[in-house]
Amino acid sequence: MNKRITIGVTLFVIAMLCIPAYFIMQTYGVFQKEKVLSGYAIAVDVEGKSYQTWPLINGFTAMDKRGDDRQLYYRIDTSGLQYLFQLAYKEFEVRKGGNNPYLAGQIDYSQTDHMYVRSENKYTNANDFVTVITLLDREGKVIYTYEQTGKGDDKLVKSIIHQGMSRSSNHGTEAARDPYLNITALFREKLGIDVKLTVDDEHKVVTIRMNKAEVK
């Protein structure tokens, strides 16, 4: 009997220790396949050189942790999506030079007449509404819509944890999850554009390459 009690107490203690350990590992995104690129500079390839893509935010950008064909993700509830469309359609200029020796310069996004992201509130009654984000191609055709729930939609939007970050609410503290759009899949399917990533872990740069998809 004493042996059973000892085993039971031991298992209980282990279980209690596993709960905070699980939360810590979840907060650091151990159990997900993607990671947020807050520790990297985000660049785009222009004629073989990497240019800074600000105001794209590295903390809003994610990619697959592993694989030869890593997917690119970006938070769908932020303004940076507009700049990704401009990169895809080559609606930008480059400003060479700058203070960063690891990048060839900066992207200038001012050259465009198109708006690729539209946000509007749809009211369900006089007091309540849901924000709907609509993405359009260059011809103005709707290619994706997302109701801003803060969660994934079981299609191209995934809920991704920003590793190392947590949020507090009335329900306690939890890992920081946000909705990220799979840019690689959307641009390939709807725009006919391939999105490839080159990861330089030594210099902390992730470079995006966007080109017309090859017809197979």
N, C-alpha and C. Protein backbone atom coordinates (compact mmCIF):
# COMPACT_ATOMS: atom_id res chain seq x y z
N MET A 1 0.83 -1.21 0.00
CA MET A 1 0.00 0.00 0.00
C MET A 1 0.87 1.26 0.00
N ASN A 2 1.91 1.25 0.87
CA ASN A 2 2.80 2.40 0.94
C ASN A 2 3.50 2.65 -0.39
N LYS A 3 3.83 1.54 -1.08
CA LYS A 3 4.49 1.67 -2.38
C LYS A 3 3.55 2.32 -3.39
N ARG A 4 2.27 1.93 -3.35
CA ARG A 4 1.29 2.53 -4.26
C ARG A 4 1.12 4.03 -3.98
N ILE A 5 1.10 4.37 -2.70
CA ILE A 5 0.96 5.78 -2.33
C ILE A 5 2.16 6.58 -2.81
N THR A 6 3.34 6.00 -2.64
CA THR A 6 4.57 6.68 -3.08
C THR A 6 4.56 6.91 -4.58
N ILE A 7 4.17 5.87 -5.32
CA ILE A 7 4.10 5.99 -6.78
C ILE A 7 3.08 7.05 -7.18
N GLY A 8 1.93 7.04 -6.49
CA GLY A 8 0.88 8.01 -6.80
C GLY A 8 1.33 9.43 -6.54
N VAL A 9 2.00 9.65 -5.41
CA VAL A 9 2.50 10.98 -5.09
C VAL A 9 3.55 11.43 -6.10
N THR A 10 4.42 10.49 -6.48
CA THR A 10 5.47 10.81 -7.46
C THR A 10 4.86 11.22 -8.80
N LEU A 11 3.86 10.46 -9.25
CA LEU A 11 3.20 10.79 -10.52
C LEU A 11 2.49 12.13 -10.44
N PHE A 12 1.89 12.41 -9.28
CA PHE A 12 1.20 13.69 -9.10
C PHE A 12 2.19 14.86 -9.18
N VAL A 13 3.34 14.70 -8.53
CA VAL A 13 4.36 15.75 -8.55
C VAL A 13 4.88 15.97 -9.97
N ILE A 14 5.12 14.85 -10.68
CA ILE A 14 5.59 14.96 -12.07
C ILE A 14 4.57 15.68 -12.93
N ALA A 15 3.29 15.34 -12.73
CA ALA A 15 2.22 15.99 -13.50
C ALA A 15 2.17 17.48 -13.22
N MET A 16 2.33 17.86 -11.95
CA MET A 16 2.32 19.28 -11.59
C MET A 16 3.49 20.03 -12.21
N LEU A 17 4.64 19.35 -12.30
CA LEU A 17 5.81 19.98 -12.91
C LEU A 17 5.67 20.08 -14.42
N CYS A 18 4.94 19.15 -15.02
CA CYS A 18 4.79 19.14 -16.48
C CYS A 18 3.90 20.27 -16.97
N ILE A 19 2.96 20.71 -16.14
CA ILE A 19 2.03 21.77 -16.57
C ILE A 19 2.77 23.07 -16.89
N PRO A 20 3.60 23.62 -15.98
CA PRO A 20 4.34 24.84 -16.35
C PRO A 20 5.36 24.59 -17.45
N ALA A 21 5.94 23.38 -17.48
CA ALA A 21 6.91 23.07 -18.54
C ALA A 21 6.22 23.09 -19.91
N TYR A 22 5.00 22.54 -19.97
CA TYR A 22 4.25 22.54 -21.22
C TYR A 22 3.93 23.97 -21.65
N PHE A 23 3.52 24.81 -20.70
CA PHE A 23 3.19 26.20 -21.03
C PHE A 23 4.42 26.93 -21.56
N ILE A 24 5.56 26.72 -20.92
CA ILE A 24 6.80 27.38 -21.36
C ILE A 24 7.15 26.94 -22.78
N MET A 25 7.08 25.63 -23.04
CA MET A 25 7.41 25.12 -24.37
C MET A 25 6.41 25.64 -25.41
N GLN A 26 5.13 25.73 -25.03
CA GLN A 26 4.13 26.26 -25.95
C GLN A 26 4.40 27.73 -26.25
N THR A 27 4.76 28.50 -25.22
CA THR A 27 5.05 29.91 -25.40
C THR A 27 6.20 30.12 -26.38
N TYR A 28 7.15 29.19 -26.38
CA TYR A 28 8.29 29.29 -27.28
C TYR A 28 8.05 28.56 -28.61
N GLY A 29 6.81 28.17 -28.86
CA GLY A 29 6.45 27.60 -30.15
C GLY A 29 7.09 26.26 -30.45
N VAL A 30 7.42 25.51 -29.41
CA VAL A 30 8.10 24.23 -29.61
C VAL A 30 7.24 23.26 -30.42
N PHE A 31 5.93 23.32 -30.24
CA PHE A 31 5.04 22.33 -30.84
C PHE A 31 4.49 22.74 -32.21
N GLN A 32 4.93 23.87 -32.75
CA GLN A 32 4.43 24.29 -34.06
C GLN A 32 5.54 24.20 -35.11
N LYS A 33 5.14 24.15 -36.37
CA LYS A 33 6.08 23.98 -37.47
C LYS A 33 6.64 25.31 -37.98
N GLU A 34 6.05 26.42 -37.53
CA GLU A 34 6.45 27.74 -38.02
C GLU A 34 7.15 28.53 -36.92
N LYS A 35 7.89 29.56 -37.34
CA LYS A 35 8.48 30.48 -36.36
C LYS A 35 8.37 31.90 -36.88
N VAL A 36 8.15 32.83 -35.96
CA VAL A 36 8.09 34.25 -36.29
C VAL A 36 9.52 34.78 -36.39
N LEU A 37 9.75 35.64 -37.39
CA LEU A 37 11.11 36.05 -37.74
C LEU A 37 11.56 37.33 -37.03
N SER A 38 11.19 37.47 -35.77
CA SER A 38 11.54 38.68 -35.03
C SER A 38 13.05 38.83 -34.84
N GLY A 39 13.79 37.75 -34.97
CA GLY A 39 15.24 37.82 -34.81
C GLY A 39 16.01 37.97 -36.10
N TYR A 40 15.30 38.25 -37.20
CA TYR A 40 15.93 38.36 -38.52
C TYR A 40 15.54 39.68 -39.19
N ALA A 41 16.40 40.14 -40.09
CA ALA A 41 16.03 41.23 -40.99
C ALA A 41 15.31 40.61 -42.19
N ILE A 42 14.26 41.27 -42.67
CA ILE A 42 13.50 40.78 -43.82
C ILE A 42 13.93 41.58 -45.05
N ALA A 43 14.35 40.87 -46.09
CA ALA A 43 14.84 41.52 -47.30
C ALA A 43 14.16 40.91 -48.52
N VAL A 44 14.30 41.59 -49.66
CA VAL A 44 13.80 41.07 -50.93
C VAL A 44 14.95 41.06 -51.93
N ASP A 45 14.97 40.05 -52.77
CA ASP A 45 16.03 39.92 -53.76
C ASP A 45 15.69 40.75 -55.00
N VAL A 46 16.61 41.64 -55.36
CA VAL A 46 16.49 42.42 -56.60
C VAL A 46 17.81 42.28 -57.35
N GLU A 47 17.77 41.54 -58.45
CA GLU A 47 18.96 41.30 -59.28
C GLU A 47 20.12 40.75 -58.46
N GLY A 48 19.79 39.80 -57.59
CA GLY A 48 20.82 39.10 -56.85
C GLY A 48 21.30 39.77 -55.59
N LYS A 49 20.73 40.92 -55.23
CA LYS A 49 21.12 41.62 -54.02
C LYS A 49 19.91 41.76 -53.09
N SER A 50 20.19 41.79 -51.79
CA SER A 50 19.13 41.85 -50.79
C SER A 50 18.89 43.28 -50.33
N TYR A 51 17.62 43.71 -50.42
CA TYR A 51 17.24 45.06 -50.02
C TYR A 51 16.24 45.00 -48.86
N GLN A 52 16.42 45.91 -47.92
CA GLN A 52 15.54 45.97 -46.76
C GLN A 52 14.11 46.28 -47.19
N THR A 53 13.14 45.61 -46.56
CA THR A 53 11.74 45.72 -46.98
C THR A 53 10.87 46.54 -46.04
N TRP A 54 11.49 47.24 -45.07
CA TRP A 54 10.69 48.08 -44.16
C TRP A 54 9.78 49.00 -44.97
N PRO A 55 8.50 49.18 -44.57
CA PRO A 55 7.90 48.88 -43.27
C PRO A 55 7.27 47.49 -43.10
N LEU A 56 7.69 46.49 -43.87
CA LEU A 56 7.35 45.13 -43.47
C LEU A 56 8.01 44.86 -42.12
N ILE A 57 7.28 44.28 -41.20
CA ILE A 57 7.76 44.09 -39.83
C ILE A 57 8.18 42.64 -39.64
N ASN A 58 9.40 42.44 -39.14
CA ASN A 58 9.87 41.06 -38.94
C ASN A 58 9.03 40.32 -37.90
N GLY A 59 8.52 41.05 -36.90
CA GLY A 59 7.69 40.42 -35.88
C GLY A 59 6.31 40.02 -36.38
N PHE A 60 5.95 40.46 -37.60
CA PHE A 60 4.68 40.06 -38.22
C PHE A 60 4.91 39.04 -39.34
N THR A 61 6.15 38.62 -39.52
CA THR A 61 6.52 37.71 -40.59
C THR A 61 6.91 36.36 -40.00
N ALA A 62 6.50 35.28 -40.66
CA ALA A 62 6.84 33.94 -40.18
C ALA A 62 7.20 33.05 -41.36
N MET A 63 7.85 31.94 -41.05
CA MET A 63 8.18 30.95 -42.07
C MET A 63 8.20 29.57 -41.43
N ASP A 64 8.22 28.54 -42.26
CA ASP A 64 8.38 27.18 -41.75
C ASP A 64 9.77 27.04 -41.13
N LYS A 65 9.85 26.28 -40.06
CA LYS A 65 11.13 26.09 -39.40
C LYS A 65 12.10 25.29 -40.25
N ARG A 66 11.58 24.33 -41.00
CA ARG A 66 12.44 23.43 -41.76
C ARG A 66 11.87 23.21 -43.16
N GLY A 67 12.71 22.62 -44.01
CA GLY A 67 12.27 22.26 -45.35
C GLY A 67 12.97 23.05 -46.43
N ASP A 68 13.08 22.45 -47.60
CA ASP A 68 13.71 23.11 -48.73
C ASP A 68 12.79 24.15 -49.38
N ASP A 69 11.50 23.99 -49.19
CA ASP A 69 10.52 24.89 -49.79
C ASP A 69 9.68 25.52 -48.68
N ARG A 70 10.33 26.34 -47.87
CA ARG A 70 9.65 26.94 -46.72
C ARG A 70 8.57 27.92 -47.17
N GLN A 71 7.46 27.91 -46.46
CA GLN A 71 6.36 28.82 -46.75
C GLN A 71 6.57 30.14 -46.01
N LEU A 72 6.13 31.22 -46.64
CA LEU A 72 6.18 32.55 -46.04
C LEU A 72 4.79 32.92 -45.53
N TYR A 73 4.72 33.46 -44.32
CA TYR A 73 3.46 33.88 -43.71
C TYR A 73 3.57 35.33 -43.26
N TYR A 74 2.44 36.04 -43.28
CA TYR A 74 2.42 37.41 -42.75
C TYR A 74 1.08 37.64 -42.06
N ARG A 75 1.13 38.41 -40.98
CA ARG A 75 -0.10 38.67 -40.22
C ARG A 75 -1.13 39.36 -41.10
N ILE A 76 -2.30 38.75 -41.20
CA ILE A 76 -3.32 39.25 -42.10
C ILE A 76 -4.03 40.48 -41.54
N ASP A 77 -3.89 40.73 -40.26
CA ASP A 77 -4.58 41.86 -39.65
C ASP A 77 -3.69 43.10 -39.54
N THR A 78 -2.68 43.19 -40.41
CA THR A 78 -1.77 44.35 -40.40
C THR A 78 -1.64 44.93 -41.80
N SER A 79 -1.11 46.15 -41.88
CA SER A 79 -1.04 46.86 -43.16
C SER A 79 0.07 46.35 -44.08
N GLY A 80 0.97 45.52 -43.57
CA GLY A 80 2.10 45.08 -44.37
C GLY A 80 1.74 44.26 -45.60
N LEU A 81 0.55 43.70 -45.65
CA LEU A 81 0.15 42.91 -46.81
C LEU A 81 0.21 43.72 -48.10
N GLN A 82 -0.13 45.00 -48.03
CA GLN A 82 -0.07 45.86 -49.21
C GLN A 82 1.32 45.85 -49.82
N TYR A 83 2.35 45.91 -48.98
CA TYR A 83 3.72 45.96 -49.48
C TYR A 83 4.15 44.64 -50.10
N LEU A 84 3.63 43.54 -49.58
CA LEU A 84 3.95 42.24 -50.18
C LEU A 84 3.37 42.12 -51.59
N PHE A 85 2.18 42.65 -51.79
CA PHE A 85 1.60 42.67 -53.14
C PHE A 85 2.45 43.53 -54.07
N GLN A 86 2.94 44.66 -53.57
CA GLN A 86 3.78 45.52 -54.40
C GLN A 86 5.09 44.84 -54.77
N LEU A 87 5.64 44.08 -53.83
CA LEU A 87 6.84 43.31 -54.15
C LEU A 87 6.54 42.27 -55.23
N ALA A 88 5.39 41.62 -55.12
CA ALA A 88 5.02 40.59 -56.09
C ALA A 88 4.84 41.18 -57.49
N TYR A 89 4.24 42.36 -57.57
CA TYR A 89 3.97 43.00 -58.86
C TYR A 89 5.11 43.93 -59.32
N LYS A 90 6.21 43.95 -58.57
CA LYS A 90 7.37 44.78 -58.89
C LYS A 90 7.01 46.27 -58.92
N GLU A 91 6.12 46.68 -58.05
CA GLU A 91 5.72 48.08 -57.96
C GLU A 91 6.53 48.76 -56.86
N PHE A 92 7.79 48.96 -57.14
CA PHE A 92 8.68 49.60 -56.17
C PHE A 92 9.94 50.07 -56.88
N GLU A 93 10.70 50.87 -56.17
CA GLU A 93 12.02 51.27 -56.62
C GLU A 93 13.02 50.92 -55.53
N VAL A 94 14.29 50.89 -55.89
CA VAL A 94 15.31 50.58 -54.89
C VAL A 94 16.16 51.83 -54.63
N ARG A 95 16.47 51.99 -53.37
CA ARG A 95 17.40 53.04 -52.96
C ARG A 95 18.67 52.35 -52.48
N LYS A 96 19.71 52.46 -53.26
CA LYS A 96 20.95 51.75 -52.94
C LYS A 96 21.71 52.47 -51.83
N GLY A 97 22.49 51.67 -51.11
CA GLY A 97 23.31 52.24 -50.04
C GLY A 97 22.62 52.17 -48.70
N GLY A 98 23.15 52.89 -47.75
CA GLY A 98 22.61 52.88 -46.40
C GLY A 98 23.66 52.46 -45.39
N ASN A 99 23.26 52.38 -44.14
CA ASN A 99 24.20 52.10 -43.06
C ASN A 99 24.39 50.62 -42.77
N ASN A 100 23.50 49.77 -43.29
CA ASN A 100 23.57 48.34 -42.98
C ASN A 100 24.48 47.64 -43.98
N PRO A 101 25.63 47.14 -43.56
CA PRO A 101 26.58 46.53 -44.49
C PRO A 101 26.11 45.19 -45.05
N TYR A 102 25.07 44.61 -44.46
CA TYR A 102 24.59 43.30 -44.91
C TYR A 102 23.44 43.41 -45.92
N LEU A 103 22.99 44.63 -46.19
CA LEU A 103 21.92 44.85 -47.16
C LEU A 103 22.36 45.90 -48.16
N ALA A 104 21.86 45.76 -49.40
CA ALA A 104 22.31 46.64 -50.48
C ALA A 104 21.58 47.97 -50.50
N GLY A 105 20.51 48.09 -49.73
CA GLY A 105 19.74 49.33 -49.71
C GLY A 105 18.34 49.09 -49.20
N GLN A 106 17.43 49.99 -49.59
CA GLN A 106 16.07 50.00 -49.07
C GLN A 106 15.07 50.03 -50.22
N ILE A 107 13.93 49.34 -50.03
CA ILE A 107 12.85 49.38 -51.00
C ILE A 107 12.00 50.63 -50.78
N ASP A 108 11.63 51.28 -51.89
CA ASP A 108 10.73 52.44 -51.86
C ASP A 108 9.40 52.00 -52.48
N TYR A 109 8.34 52.03 -51.69
CA TYR A 109 7.04 51.52 -52.12
C TYR A 109 6.11 52.59 -52.69
N SER A 110 6.60 53.78 -52.91
CA SER A 110 5.71 54.90 -53.26
C SER A 110 5.14 54.80 -54.67
N GLN A 111 5.69 53.94 -55.52
CA GLN A 111 5.27 53.89 -56.92
C GLN A 111 4.15 52.87 -57.15
N THR A 112 2.93 53.23 -56.81
CA THR A 112 1.79 52.37 -57.12
C THR A 112 0.49 53.17 -57.07
N ASP A 113 -0.46 52.76 -57.89
CA ASP A 113 -1.80 53.35 -57.87
C ASP A 113 -2.83 52.34 -57.41
N HIS A 114 -2.37 51.17 -56.99
CA HIS A 114 -3.28 50.08 -56.64
C HIS A 114 -3.37 49.90 -55.13
N MET A 115 -4.57 49.53 -54.70
CA MET A 115 -4.78 49.13 -53.31
C MET A 115 -5.19 47.66 -53.32
N TYR A 116 -4.38 46.86 -52.68
CA TYR A 116 -4.60 45.41 -52.71
C TYR A 116 -5.27 44.87 -51.46
N VAL A 117 -5.39 45.71 -50.45
CA VAL A 117 -6.00 45.28 -49.18
C VAL A 117 -7.10 46.25 -48.81
N ARG A 118 -8.26 45.69 -48.53
CA ARG A 118 -9.40 46.52 -48.15
C ARG A 118 -9.98 45.99 -46.84
N SER A 119 -10.30 46.90 -45.94
CA SER A 119 -10.87 46.51 -44.65
C SER A 119 -12.16 47.28 -44.43
N GLU A 120 -13.21 46.57 -44.04
CA GLU A 120 -14.48 47.24 -43.77
C GLU A 120 -15.21 46.53 -42.64
N ASN A 121 -16.02 47.30 -41.95
CA ASN A 121 -16.82 46.76 -40.85
C ASN A 121 -18.20 46.39 -41.37
N LYS A 122 -18.60 45.15 -41.13
CA LYS A 122 -19.93 44.70 -41.51
C LYS A 122 -20.76 44.55 -40.24
N TYR A 123 -21.80 45.35 -40.15
CA TYR A 123 -22.62 45.39 -38.94
C TYR A 123 -23.67 44.28 -38.95
N THR A 124 -23.79 43.63 -37.80
CA THR A 124 -24.84 42.63 -37.62
C THR A 124 -26.06 43.24 -36.95
N ASN A 125 -25.85 44.35 -36.27
CA ASN A 125 -26.94 45.16 -35.71
C ASN A 125 -26.38 46.55 -35.48
N ALA A 126 -27.12 47.41 -34.79
CA ALA A 126 -26.69 48.79 -34.62
C ALA A 126 -25.46 48.93 -33.73
N ASN A 127 -25.12 47.87 -33.01
CA ASN A 127 -24.02 47.96 -32.05
C ASN A 127 -22.84 47.06 -32.38
N ASP A 128 -23.09 45.94 -33.04
CA ASP A 128 -22.05 44.92 -33.24
C ASP A 128 -21.66 44.81 -34.71
N PHE A 129 -20.38 44.58 -34.92
CA PHE A 129 -19.89 44.41 -36.28
C PHE A 129 -18.70 43.47 -36.30
N VAL A 130 -18.39 42.97 -37.47
CA VAL A 130 -17.19 42.17 -37.68
C VAL A 130 -16.37 42.83 -38.78
N THR A 131 -15.06 42.89 -38.59
CA THR A 131 -14.19 43.49 -39.59
C THR A 131 -13.80 42.43 -40.62
N VAL A 132 -14.02 42.74 -41.88
CA VAL A 132 -13.71 41.81 -42.97
C VAL A 132 -12.56 42.39 -43.79
N ILE A 133 -11.50 41.59 -43.93
CA ILE A 133 -10.35 41.98 -44.74
C ILE A 133 -10.47 41.32 -46.10
N THR A 134 -10.39 42.12 -47.14
CA THR A 134 -10.52 41.63 -48.51
C THR A 134 -9.23 41.89 -49.27
N LEU A 135 -8.72 40.88 -49.95
CA LEU A 135 -7.51 41.01 -50.75
C LEU A 135 -7.88 40.96 -52.22
N LEU A 136 -7.25 41.84 -53.01
CA LEU A 136 -7.56 41.95 -54.43
C LEU A 136 -6.30 41.83 -55.27
N ASP A 137 -6.46 41.37 -56.51
CA ASP A 137 -5.33 41.34 -57.42
C ASP A 137 -5.24 42.67 -58.17
N ARG A 138 -4.34 42.76 -59.12
CA ARG A 138 -4.11 44.03 -59.82
C ARG A 138 -5.32 44.48 -60.62
N GLU A 139 -6.14 43.53 -61.07
CA GLU A 139 -7.35 43.87 -61.83
C GLU A 139 -8.53 44.22 -60.93
N GLY A 140 -8.33 44.16 -59.62
CA GLY A 140 -9.40 44.48 -58.69
C GLY A 140 -10.29 43.30 -58.35
N LYS A 141 -9.89 42.11 -58.78
CA LYS A 141 -10.68 40.91 -58.49
C LYS A 141 -10.39 40.43 -57.07
N VAL A 142 -11.44 40.08 -56.35
CA VAL A 142 -11.29 39.58 -54.99
C VAL A 142 -10.66 38.19 -55.03
N ILE A 143 -9.56 38.01 -54.30
CA ILE A 143 -8.89 36.72 -54.29
C ILE A 143 -8.92 36.05 -52.91
N TYR A 144 -9.28 36.82 -51.87
CA TYR A 144 -9.37 36.20 -50.54
C TYR A 144 -10.10 37.14 -49.59
N THR A 145 -10.88 36.56 -48.70
CA THR A 145 -11.53 37.34 -47.65
C THR A 145 -11.32 36.65 -46.31
N TYR A 146 -11.26 37.46 -45.27
CA TYR A 146 -11.03 36.92 -43.92
C TYR A 146 -11.79 37.76 -42.91
N GLU A 147 -12.61 37.10 -42.12
CA GLU A 147 -13.27 37.79 -41.01
C GLU A 147 -12.28 37.87 -39.85
N GLN A 148 -12.07 39.07 -39.37
CA GLN A 148 -11.01 39.31 -38.38
C GLN A 148 -11.43 38.80 -37.00
N THR A 149 -11.20 37.51 -36.82
CA THR A 149 -11.52 36.86 -35.55
C THR A 149 -10.29 36.74 -34.65
N GLY A 150 -9.10 36.97 -35.23
CA GLY A 150 -7.87 36.77 -34.47
C GLY A 150 -7.42 35.32 -34.48
N LYS A 151 -8.11 34.48 -35.25
CA LYS A 151 -7.79 33.05 -35.29
C LYS A 151 -7.60 32.60 -36.74
N GLY A 152 -7.15 31.36 -36.90
CA GLY A 152 -7.06 30.77 -38.22
C GLY A 152 -8.44 30.50 -38.79
N ASP A 153 -8.49 30.26 -40.11
CA ASP A 153 -9.79 30.03 -40.75
C ASP A 153 -9.87 28.67 -41.43
N ASP A 154 -8.93 27.78 -41.13
CA ASP A 154 -8.90 26.43 -41.71
C ASP A 154 -8.70 26.45 -43.22
N LYS A 155 -8.24 27.59 -43.75
CA LYS A 155 -7.91 27.66 -45.18
C LYS A 155 -6.46 28.13 -45.31
N LEU A 156 -6.24 29.39 -45.61
CA LEU A 156 -4.87 29.89 -45.77
C LEU A 156 -4.38 30.70 -44.58
N VAL A 157 -5.22 30.90 -43.59
CA VAL A 157 -4.81 31.65 -42.40
C VAL A 157 -4.60 30.68 -41.25
N LYS A 158 -3.40 30.76 -40.66
CA LYS A 158 -3.04 29.88 -39.55
C LYS A 158 -2.82 30.70 -38.29
N SER A 159 -3.12 30.09 -37.17
CA SER A 159 -2.83 30.70 -35.88
C SER A 159 -1.41 30.30 -35.48
N ILE A 160 -0.52 31.29 -35.42
CA ILE A 160 0.90 31.03 -35.15
C ILE A 160 1.31 31.74 -33.87
N ILE A 161 2.07 31.04 -33.05
CA ILE A 161 2.57 31.60 -31.79
C ILE A 161 3.85 32.38 -32.06
N HIS A 162 3.91 33.59 -31.52
CA HIS A 162 5.15 34.36 -31.56
C HIS A 162 6.02 33.87 -30.41
N GLN A 163 7.03 33.08 -30.76
CA GLN A 163 7.81 32.39 -29.74
C GLN A 163 8.43 33.36 -28.73
N GLY A 164 8.31 32.98 -27.47
CA GLY A 164 8.87 33.79 -26.40
C GLY A 164 7.96 34.88 -25.89
N MET A 165 6.78 35.04 -26.52
CA MET A 165 5.86 36.10 -26.11
C MET A 165 4.60 35.49 -25.52
N SER A 166 4.03 36.19 -24.55
CA SER A 166 2.77 35.78 -23.96
C SER A 166 1.89 37.00 -23.76
N ARG A 167 0.60 36.75 -23.56
CA ARG A 167 -0.35 37.83 -23.34
C ARG A 167 -1.19 37.53 -22.11
N SER A 168 -1.54 38.58 -21.41
CA SER A 168 -2.39 38.44 -20.22
C SER A 168 -3.79 38.95 -20.53
N SER A 169 -4.76 38.25 -20.01
CA SER A 169 -6.15 38.66 -20.16
C SER A 169 -6.90 38.29 -18.89
N ASN A 170 -8.21 38.47 -18.93
CA ASN A 170 -9.03 38.11 -17.77
C ASN A 170 -9.00 36.61 -17.50
N HIS A 171 -8.61 35.84 -18.52
CA HIS A 171 -8.56 34.38 -18.38
C HIS A 171 -7.18 33.89 -17.96
N GLY A 172 -6.24 34.82 -17.73
CA GLY A 172 -4.90 34.43 -17.33
C GLY A 172 -3.88 34.75 -18.41
N THR A 173 -2.73 34.10 -18.33
CA THR A 173 -1.64 34.33 -19.28
C THR A 173 -1.57 33.18 -20.27
N GLU A 174 -1.39 33.51 -21.53
CA GLU A 174 -1.32 32.48 -22.56
C GLU A 174 -0.32 32.89 -23.63
N ALA A 175 0.07 31.94 -24.46
CA ALA A 175 1.01 32.21 -25.55
C ALA A 175 0.39 33.21 -26.53
N ALA A 176 1.24 34.07 -27.10
CA ALA A 176 0.77 35.10 -28.04
C ALA A 176 0.51 34.48 -29.40
N ARG A 177 -0.76 34.27 -29.72
CA ARG A 177 -1.17 33.70 -31.01
C ARG A 177 -1.78 34.79 -31.88
N ASP A 178 -1.46 34.75 -33.17
CA ASP A 178 -2.02 35.72 -34.11
C ASP A 178 -2.30 35.02 -35.44
N PRO A 179 -3.21 35.60 -36.25
CA PRO A 179 -3.54 35.00 -37.54
C PRO A 179 -2.54 35.40 -38.63
N TYR A 180 -1.92 34.41 -39.25
CA TYR A 180 -0.93 34.64 -40.30
C TYR A 180 -1.42 34.03 -41.62
N LEU A 181 -1.35 34.82 -42.67
CA LEU A 181 -1.76 34.37 -44.00
C LEU A 181 -0.59 33.68 -44.70
N ASN A 182 -0.86 32.54 -45.33
CA ASN A 182 0.16 31.84 -46.09
C ASN A 182 0.36 32.57 -47.42
N ILE A 183 1.36 33.43 -47.46
CA ILE A 183 1.64 34.24 -48.65
C ILE A 183 2.09 33.36 -49.81
N THR A 184 2.91 32.37 -49.52
CA THR A 184 3.42 31.48 -50.57
C THR A 184 2.27 30.81 -51.32
N ALA A 185 1.33 30.25 -50.57
CA ALA A 185 0.21 29.53 -51.20
C ALA A 185 -0.72 30.49 -51.94
N LEU A 186 -1.03 31.64 -51.33
CA LEU A 186 -1.95 32.59 -51.96
C LEU A 186 -1.39 33.14 -53.26
N PHE A 187 -0.13 33.58 -53.24
CA PHE A 187 0.46 34.19 -54.43
C PHE A 187 0.64 33.17 -55.55
N ARG A 188 0.97 31.95 -55.19
CA ARG A 188 1.12 30.90 -56.20
C ARG A 188 -0.24 30.60 -56.86
N GLU A 189 -1.26 30.45 -56.04
CA GLU A 189 -2.57 30.04 -56.55
C GLU A 189 -3.31 31.17 -57.27
N LYS A 190 -3.25 32.39 -56.71
CA LYS A 190 -4.08 33.47 -57.22
C LYS A 190 -3.33 34.46 -58.13
N LEU A 191 -2.03 34.61 -57.93
CA LEU A 191 -1.27 35.58 -58.73
C LEU A 191 -0.31 34.92 -59.71
N GLY A 192 -0.12 33.61 -59.58
CA GLY A 192 0.84 32.92 -60.45
C GLY A 192 2.27 33.33 -60.16
N ILE A 193 2.57 33.58 -58.90
CA ILE A 193 3.91 34.03 -58.50
C ILE A 193 4.49 33.08 -57.47
N ASP A 194 5.71 32.63 -57.73
CA ASP A 194 6.42 31.77 -56.79
C ASP A 194 7.13 32.63 -55.74
N VAL A 195 7.02 32.22 -54.49
CA VAL A 195 7.70 32.90 -53.39
C VAL A 195 8.70 31.93 -52.78
N LYS A 196 9.97 32.29 -52.83
CA LYS A 196 11.03 31.46 -52.28
C LYS A 196 11.77 32.24 -51.20
N LEU A 197 12.30 31.51 -50.23
CA LEU A 197 13.03 32.14 -49.13
C LEU A 197 14.46 31.62 -49.06
N THR A 198 15.38 32.55 -48.85
CA THR A 198 16.77 32.20 -48.57
C THR A 198 17.08 32.65 -47.15
N VAL A 199 17.53 31.71 -46.33
CA VAL A 199 17.76 31.99 -44.91
C VAL A 199 19.26 32.03 -44.64
N ASP A 200 19.73 33.17 -44.18
CA ASP A 200 21.13 33.34 -43.78
C ASP A 200 21.16 33.44 -42.26
N ASP A 201 21.35 32.30 -41.61
CA ASP A 201 21.33 32.28 -40.15
C ASP A 201 22.54 33.00 -39.55
N GLU A 202 23.65 32.99 -40.26
CA GLU A 202 24.86 33.64 -39.73
C GLU A 202 24.67 35.14 -39.61
N HIS A 203 24.10 35.75 -40.66
CA HIS A 203 23.93 37.20 -40.67
C HIS A 203 22.51 37.65 -40.32
N LYS A 204 21.66 36.68 -40.00
CA LYS A 204 20.29 36.97 -39.54
C LYS A 204 19.48 37.73 -40.59
N VAL A 205 19.48 37.20 -41.81
CA VAL A 205 18.71 37.80 -42.90
C VAL A 205 17.87 36.71 -43.58
N VAL A 206 16.59 36.99 -43.77
CA VAL A 206 15.74 36.14 -44.60
C VAL A 206 15.38 36.94 -45.84
N THR A 207 15.78 36.44 -47.00
CA THR A 207 15.55 37.15 -48.26
C THR A 207 14.43 36.48 -49.04
N ILE A 208 13.47 37.30 -49.48
CA ILE A 208 12.32 36.84 -50.25
C ILE A 208 12.62 37.00 -51.73
N ARG A 209 12.35 35.96 -52.51
CA ARG A 209 12.45 36.05 -53.96
C ARG A 209 11.07 35.78 -54.55
N MET A 210 10.59 36.69 -55.39
CA MET A 210 9.29 36.53 -56.03
C MET A 210 9.45 36.60 -57.54
N ASN A 211 9.01 35.54 -58.21
CA ASN A 211 9.10 35.47 -59.67
C ASN A 211 7.86 34.79 -60.23
N LYS A 212 7.61 35.03 -61.50
CA LYS A 212 6.49 34.37 -62.17
C LYS A 212 6.65 32.86 -62.07
N ALA A 213 5.57 32.19 -61.71
CA ALA A 213 5.61 30.74 -61.57
C ALA A 213 5.80 30.10 -62.94
N GLU A 214 6.60 29.05 -62.96
CA GLU A 214 6.83 28.32 -64.20
C GLU A 214 5.60 27.49 -64.54
N VAL A 215 5.22 27.51 -65.79
CA VAL A 215 4.08 26.72 -66.25
C VAL A 215 4.54 25.30 -66.49
N LYS A 216 3.90 24.35 -65.81
CA LYS A 216 4.30 22.94 -65.95
C LYS A 216 3.30 22.19 -66.81
